[in-house]
Amino acid sequence: MLIIGLILFGMLVGALAQLILGRQGKGIDWSMAIVAGLVGSFVGGLLASLIAGDGLAFRPSGVVGSIVGAILVTAIWRWARSRQRA
């Protein structure tokens, strides 16, 4: 159940990152949302939690860090994809 919860949380955070950056196309790219959410949550959430001194517990600083991390991963992904096409 924990793994399913982490995947769902990552998907939601990744989708939120796409909404914040603006959708490109008709809807949300769910494959990008899952990957960006999981990677962004791991990197951003872990760093924010450790910097805030919360440790590895589920805290608001980790959620905010997860969203920021997912936004960064999504922005880098879009930048790399646009450079690949050009």
N, C-alpha and C. Protein backbone atom coordinates (compact mmCIF):
# COMPACT_ATOMS: atom_id res chain seq x y z
N MET A 1 0.82 -1.20 0.00
CA MET A 1 0.00 0.00 0.00
C MET A 1 0.86 1.26 0.00
N LEU A 2 2.01 1.19 0.66
CA LEU A 2 2.89 2.35 0.71
C LEU A 2 3.38 2.72 -0.68
N ILE A 3 3.74 1.73 -1.47
CA ILE A 3 4.24 2.00 -2.82
C ILE A 3 3.15 2.63 -3.68
N ILE A 4 1.94 2.12 -3.58
CA ILE A 4 0.82 2.70 -4.33
C ILE A 4 0.56 4.13 -3.90
N GLY A 5 0.63 4.38 -2.60
CA GLY A 5 0.46 5.74 -2.08
C GLY A 5 1.53 6.68 -2.58
N LEU A 6 2.78 6.21 -2.62
CA LEU A 6 3.87 7.06 -3.12
C LEU A 6 3.70 7.37 -4.60
N ILE A 7 3.28 6.38 -5.37
CA ILE A 7 3.06 6.61 -6.80
C ILE A 7 1.93 7.60 -7.02
N LEU A 8 0.85 7.45 -6.28
CA LEU A 8 -0.28 8.39 -6.41
C LEU A 8 0.11 9.80 -5.99
N PHE A 9 0.87 9.91 -4.88
CA PHE A 9 1.33 11.23 -4.43
C PHE A 9 2.24 11.85 -5.49
N GLY A 10 3.14 11.06 -6.05
CA GLY A 10 4.03 11.55 -7.10
C GLY A 10 3.27 12.00 -8.32
N MET A 11 2.23 11.25 -8.68
CA MET A 11 1.42 11.61 -9.84
C MET A 11 0.70 12.93 -9.60
N LEU A 12 0.16 13.11 -8.41
CA LEU A 12 -0.54 14.36 -8.11
C LEU A 12 0.41 15.55 -8.09
N VAL A 13 1.58 15.36 -7.50
CA VAL A 13 2.57 16.44 -7.44
C VAL A 13 3.06 16.78 -8.85
N GLY A 14 3.29 15.76 -9.67
CA GLY A 14 3.72 16.00 -11.05
C GLY A 14 2.65 16.70 -11.87
N ALA A 15 1.40 16.32 -11.68
CA ALA A 15 0.30 16.99 -12.38
C ALA A 15 0.19 18.44 -11.94
N LEU A 16 0.35 18.68 -10.64
CA LEU A 16 0.31 20.05 -10.12
C LEU A 16 1.45 20.89 -10.72
N ALA A 17 2.63 20.28 -10.86
CA ALA A 17 3.76 21.00 -11.47
C ALA A 17 3.44 21.38 -12.90
N GLN A 18 2.80 20.48 -13.65
CA GLN A 18 2.43 20.80 -15.03
C GLN A 18 1.39 21.91 -15.07
N LEU A 19 0.46 21.90 -14.15
CA LEU A 19 -0.55 22.96 -14.11
C LEU A 19 0.07 24.30 -13.76
N ILE A 20 1.04 24.31 -12.86
CA ILE A 20 1.71 25.55 -12.48
C ILE A 20 2.52 26.11 -13.64
N LEU A 21 3.22 25.23 -14.37
CA LEU A 21 4.05 25.67 -15.49
C LEU A 21 3.23 25.91 -16.76
N GLY A 22 2.01 25.45 -16.77
CA GLY A 22 1.17 25.59 -17.95
C GLY A 22 1.23 24.31 -18.78
N ARG A 23 0.08 23.85 -19.16
CA ARG A 23 0.01 22.61 -19.94
C ARG A 23 0.41 22.87 -21.38
N GLN A 24 1.13 21.94 -21.93
CA GLN A 24 1.50 22.01 -23.35
C GLN A 24 0.68 20.96 -24.08
N GLY A 25 -0.32 21.39 -24.78
CA GLY A 25 -1.16 20.44 -25.49
C GLY A 25 -2.54 20.37 -24.86
N LYS A 26 -3.21 19.25 -25.08
CA LYS A 26 -4.60 19.10 -24.66
C LYS A 26 -4.75 18.87 -23.16
N GLY A 27 -3.91 18.05 -22.59
CA GLY A 27 -4.10 17.69 -21.18
C GLY A 27 -2.78 17.45 -20.49
N ILE A 28 -2.88 16.77 -19.40
CA ILE A 28 -1.70 16.48 -18.59
C ILE A 28 -1.03 15.23 -19.14
N ASP A 29 0.29 15.30 -19.31
CA ASP A 29 1.08 14.15 -19.72
C ASP A 29 1.34 13.31 -18.47
N TRP A 30 0.58 12.23 -18.31
CA TRP A 30 0.62 11.45 -17.07
C TRP A 30 1.94 10.71 -16.88
N SER A 31 2.58 10.31 -17.98
CA SER A 31 3.88 9.65 -17.81
C SER A 31 4.90 10.64 -17.27
N MET A 32 4.88 11.88 -17.78
CA MET A 32 5.77 12.91 -17.25
C MET A 32 5.39 13.25 -15.82
N ALA A 33 4.10 13.25 -15.52
CA ALA A 33 3.64 13.59 -14.17
C ALA A 33 4.15 12.57 -13.16
N ILE A 34 4.09 11.29 -13.50
CA ILE A 34 4.55 10.26 -12.57
C ILE A 34 6.05 10.37 -12.34
N VAL A 35 6.81 10.46 -13.42
CA VAL A 35 8.27 10.51 -13.29
C VAL A 35 8.72 11.79 -12.59
N ALA A 36 8.20 12.93 -13.04
CA ALA A 36 8.59 14.21 -12.44
C ALA A 36 8.15 14.28 -10.99
N GLY A 37 6.98 13.75 -10.70
CA GLY A 37 6.49 13.76 -9.32
C GLY A 37 7.33 12.90 -8.40
N LEU A 38 7.67 11.70 -8.85
CA LEU A 38 8.47 10.81 -8.01
C LEU A 38 9.89 11.33 -7.82
N VAL A 39 10.53 11.74 -8.92
CA VAL A 39 11.90 12.25 -8.82
C VAL A 39 11.92 13.57 -8.06
N GLY A 40 11.00 14.45 -8.38
CA GLY A 40 10.93 15.74 -7.68
C GLY A 40 10.60 15.59 -6.22
N SER A 41 9.72 14.65 -5.90
CA SER A 41 9.39 14.41 -4.50
C SER A 41 10.58 13.87 -3.74
N PHE A 42 11.29 12.97 -4.37
CA PHE A 42 12.45 12.39 -3.69
C PHE A 42 13.52 13.45 -3.44
N VAL A 43 13.89 14.16 -4.48
CA VAL A 43 14.97 15.15 -4.35
C VAL A 43 14.52 16.36 -3.55
N GLY A 44 13.44 17.01 -4.00
CA GLY A 44 12.98 18.23 -3.35
C GLY A 44 12.44 18.00 -1.96
N GLY A 45 11.65 16.95 -1.79
CA GLY A 45 11.08 16.65 -0.48
C GLY A 45 12.13 16.26 0.54
N LEU A 46 13.07 15.44 0.10
CA LEU A 46 14.13 15.01 1.01
C LEU A 46 15.00 16.19 1.42
N LEU A 47 15.40 17.01 0.45
CA LEU A 47 16.24 18.17 0.78
C LEU A 47 15.51 19.17 1.67
N ALA A 48 14.25 19.46 1.36
CA ALA A 48 13.50 20.42 2.18
C ALA A 48 13.30 19.90 3.60
N SER A 49 13.01 18.63 3.73
CA SER A 49 12.81 18.06 5.06
C SER A 49 14.10 18.08 5.88
N LEU A 50 15.21 17.75 5.23
CA LEU A 50 16.48 17.74 5.95
C LEU A 50 16.95 19.14 6.30
N ILE A 51 16.74 20.10 5.39
CA ILE A 51 17.13 21.49 5.67
C ILE A 51 16.28 22.07 6.80
N ALA A 52 14.98 21.75 6.81
CA ALA A 52 14.08 22.26 7.85
C ALA A 52 14.29 21.56 9.18
N GLY A 53 15.05 20.49 9.18
CA GLY A 53 15.30 19.77 10.42
C GLY A 53 14.19 18.81 10.81
N ASP A 54 13.32 18.47 9.85
CA ASP A 54 12.21 17.57 10.14
C ASP A 54 12.62 16.11 10.04
N GLY A 55 13.80 15.84 9.53
CA GLY A 55 14.21 14.46 9.33
C GLY A 55 13.46 13.86 8.16
N LEU A 56 13.17 12.60 8.23
CA LEU A 56 12.51 11.92 7.13
C LEU A 56 11.01 11.74 7.37
N ALA A 57 10.46 12.44 8.34
CA ALA A 57 9.03 12.34 8.64
C ALA A 57 8.22 13.13 7.61
N PHE A 58 6.95 12.78 7.49
CA PHE A 58 6.05 13.48 6.57
C PHE A 58 5.64 14.80 7.20
N ARG A 59 6.15 15.89 6.68
CA ARG A 59 5.89 17.23 7.19
C ARG A 59 5.54 18.16 6.03
N PRO A 60 4.94 19.32 6.34
CA PRO A 60 4.63 20.28 5.27
C PRO A 60 5.85 20.75 4.48
N SER A 61 7.00 20.85 5.13
CA SER A 61 8.19 21.27 4.39
C SER A 61 8.55 20.26 3.31
N GLY A 62 8.32 18.99 3.56
CA GLY A 62 8.58 17.97 2.55
C GLY A 62 7.60 18.04 1.40
N VAL A 63 6.36 18.37 1.68
CA VAL A 63 5.35 18.49 0.62
C VAL A 63 5.69 19.69 -0.27
N VAL A 64 6.04 20.82 0.33
CA VAL A 64 6.42 22.00 -0.44
C VAL A 64 7.68 21.70 -1.26
N GLY A 65 8.64 21.04 -0.65
CA GLY A 65 9.86 20.66 -1.37
C GLY A 65 9.55 19.72 -2.52
N SER A 66 8.59 18.82 -2.33
CA SER A 66 8.20 17.90 -3.40
C SER A 66 7.62 18.66 -4.58
N ILE A 67 6.79 19.64 -4.31
CA ILE A 67 6.19 20.43 -5.39
C ILE A 67 7.27 21.22 -6.12
N VAL A 68 8.16 21.85 -5.38
CA VAL A 68 9.25 22.62 -6.01
C VAL A 68 10.15 21.70 -6.82
N GLY A 69 10.47 20.54 -6.27
CA GLY A 69 11.30 19.58 -7.00
C GLY A 69 10.63 19.11 -8.28
N ALA A 70 9.32 18.84 -8.23
CA ALA A 70 8.59 18.40 -9.41
C ALA A 70 8.52 19.50 -10.46
N ILE A 71 8.39 20.75 -10.03
CA ILE A 71 8.39 21.87 -10.97
C ILE A 71 9.74 21.96 -11.67
N LEU A 72 10.82 21.81 -10.92
CA LEU A 72 12.15 21.86 -11.53
C LEU A 72 12.36 20.71 -12.51
N VAL A 73 11.97 19.50 -12.13
CA VAL A 73 12.14 18.35 -13.01
C VAL A 73 11.30 18.52 -14.27
N THR A 74 10.07 19.00 -14.13
CA THR A 74 9.20 19.21 -15.29
C THR A 74 9.77 20.28 -16.21
N ALA A 75 10.28 21.37 -15.65
CA ALA A 75 10.87 22.44 -16.46
C ALA A 75 12.11 21.94 -17.21
N ILE A 76 12.94 21.17 -16.55
CA ILE A 76 14.14 20.63 -17.20
C ILE A 76 13.74 19.64 -18.29
N TRP A 77 12.74 18.81 -18.02
CA TRP A 77 12.26 17.84 -19.00
C TRP A 77 11.74 18.56 -20.25
N ARG A 78 10.94 19.60 -20.05
CA ARG A 78 10.40 20.34 -21.19
C ARG A 78 11.51 21.04 -21.97
N TRP A 79 12.48 21.60 -21.26
CA TRP A 79 13.60 22.28 -21.91
C TRP A 79 14.39 21.28 -22.75
N ALA A 80 14.67 20.10 -22.20
CA ALA A 80 15.43 19.08 -22.92
C ALA A 80 14.64 18.59 -24.14
N ARG A 81 13.34 18.41 -23.99
CA ARG A 81 12.51 17.96 -25.10
C ARG A 81 12.46 19.00 -26.21
N SER A 82 12.41 20.29 -25.86
CA SER A 82 12.37 21.35 -26.88
C SER A 82 13.70 21.45 -27.61
N ARG A 83 14.80 21.24 -26.92
CA ARG A 83 16.12 21.28 -27.56
C ARG A 83 16.33 20.09 -28.47
N GLN A 84 15.73 18.96 -28.12
CA GLN A 84 15.85 17.75 -28.93
C GLN A 84 15.13 17.91 -30.26
N ARG A 85 14.01 18.60 -30.24
CA ARG A 85 13.21 18.81 -31.45
C ARG A 85 13.85 19.83 -32.39
N ALA A 86 14.59 20.77 -31.83
CA ALA A 86 15.18 21.86 -32.66
C ALA A 86 16.42 21.43 -33.36
